[in-house]
Protein backbone atom coordinates (compact mmCIF):
# COMPACT_ATOMS: atom_id res chain seq x y z
CA MET A 1 169.80 -20.27 27.56
CA ARG A 2 169.95 -16.61 27.60
CA LYS A 3 166.71 -14.53 27.05
CA ASN A 4 166.62 -12.46 23.89
CA SER A 5 167.66 -8.89 24.72
CA SER A 6 166.81 -7.34 21.44
CA PRO A 7 164.48 -4.29 21.79
CA ARG A 8 160.73 -4.89 21.60
CA PRO A 9 158.33 -2.78 19.74
CA SER A 10 157.94 -0.63 22.83
CA GLY A 11 161.72 -0.01 22.88
CA LEU A 12 162.17 -2.20 25.88
CA SER A 13 164.27 -5.33 26.06
CA ALA A 14 162.82 -8.67 27.46
CA GLU A 15 164.82 -8.08 30.60
CA GLU A 16 163.48 -4.39 31.02
CA SER A 17 159.87 -5.72 30.36
CA SER A 18 160.37 -8.38 32.94
CA LEU A 19 161.71 -6.09 35.47
CA ILE A 20 158.85 -3.74 35.06
CA ALA A 21 156.36 -6.51 35.40
CA LYS A 22 157.87 -7.60 38.61
CA LEU A 23 157.94 -4.12 39.93
CA ARG A 24 154.20 -3.74 39.24
CA LYS A 25 153.66 -6.88 41.20
CA HIS A 26 155.44 -5.45 44.09
CA PRO A 27 154.69 -1.78 44.56
CA GLU A 28 156.53 -1.47 47.83
CA LEU A 29 159.78 -2.57 46.26
CA LYS A 30 159.18 -0.26 43.23
CA GLU A 31 158.82 2.64 45.82
CA ARG A 32 162.05 1.72 47.54
CA LEU A 33 163.87 1.51 44.24
CA GLU A 34 162.50 4.83 43.04
CA ALA A 35 163.66 6.51 46.29
CA ILE A 36 167.30 5.14 45.76
CA LEU A 37 167.19 6.31 42.07
CA LYS A 38 166.11 9.71 43.11
CA LEU A 39 169.02 9.95 45.53
CA SER A 40 171.35 8.80 42.91
CA ASP A 41 170.08 11.63 40.51
CA ALA A 42 171.56 14.82 41.72
CA GLU A 43 169.68 17.00 39.25
CA GLU A 44 167.12 18.56 41.64
CA GLY A 45 166.86 19.94 45.09
CA GLU A 46 169.62 20.83 47.44
CA LEU A 47 173.10 19.71 46.62
CA LYS A 48 174.22 17.23 49.35
CA SER A 49 177.71 16.09 50.23
CA ALA A 50 178.86 12.60 49.44
CA ASP A 51 178.74 11.70 53.09
CA GLU A 52 175.16 12.74 53.25
CA ILE A 53 174.04 10.88 50.13
CA GLU A 54 175.88 7.84 51.44
CA ALA A 55 173.99 7.86 54.73
CA LEU A 56 170.73 8.39 52.84
CA LEU A 57 171.48 5.55 50.50
CA ILE A 58 172.42 3.14 53.23
CA GLU A 59 169.12 3.89 54.86
CA GLU A 60 167.14 3.45 51.57
CA MET A 61 169.07 0.05 51.11
CA ARG A 62 167.97 -0.98 54.62
CA LYS A 63 164.44 -0.23 53.91
CA PHE A 64 164.74 -1.99 50.43
CA GLY A 65 166.13 -5.05 52.24
CA LEU A 66 163.27 -5.02 54.80
CA ALA A 67 160.66 -4.64 52.08
CA SER A 68 162.18 -7.50 50.14
CA LEU A 69 162.40 -9.76 53.12
CA GLN A 70 158.67 -8.98 53.99
CA GLN A 71 157.67 -9.85 50.44
CA TRP A 72 159.59 -13.02 50.51
CA ALA A 73 157.96 -14.00 53.84
CA LYS A 74 154.45 -13.51 52.47
CA THR A 75 155.37 -15.67 49.36
CA ALA A 76 157.05 -18.26 51.49
CA GLU A 77 154.10 -18.48 54.09
CA ALA A 78 151.60 -18.82 51.21
CA ARG A 79 153.62 -21.61 49.61
CA VAL A 80 154.06 -23.61 52.91
CA GLY A 81 150.43 -23.17 53.65
CA ALA A 82 149.44 -24.44 50.03
CA GLN A 83 151.96 -27.25 50.50
CA HIS A 84 150.56 -28.43 53.91
CA GLN A 85 146.82 -28.29 52.52
CA GLN A 86 148.01 -30.41 49.64
CA GLN A 87 149.69 -32.94 51.83
CA HIS A 88 146.97 -32.84 54.55
CA PRO A 89 143.77 -31.88 52.75
CA GLY A 90 141.59 -32.56 55.80
CA SER A 91 143.64 -30.23 58.13
CA TYR A 92 142.38 -26.78 59.09
CA SER A 93 144.83 -24.05 59.68
CA GLY A 94 142.64 -21.27 61.09
CA LYS A 95 142.29 -19.96 64.50
CA LYS A 96 140.55 -22.13 66.99
CA ASN A 97 137.45 -20.72 68.53
CA TYR A 98 136.50 -22.64 71.73
């Protein structure tokens, strides 16, 4: 079923509100996305050629991909640890100190 996309009292659709909430949870992704949008917005600063903007966008997309993977890894690691602890309540996953 599709979410309601009618404007909310704040003027944002449900999808826009959801996106903002997700970006607030992941500030590193928000930062990368802002950098990409800034490059796409040619209203300020020195005017660059299409080739220069393309190279900068490719670099920012790489950074965005890396930040996304790092966030995914943190979440996946926490889920695996929680699953393991649930399946094996007596186990200890910390560092051994001999």
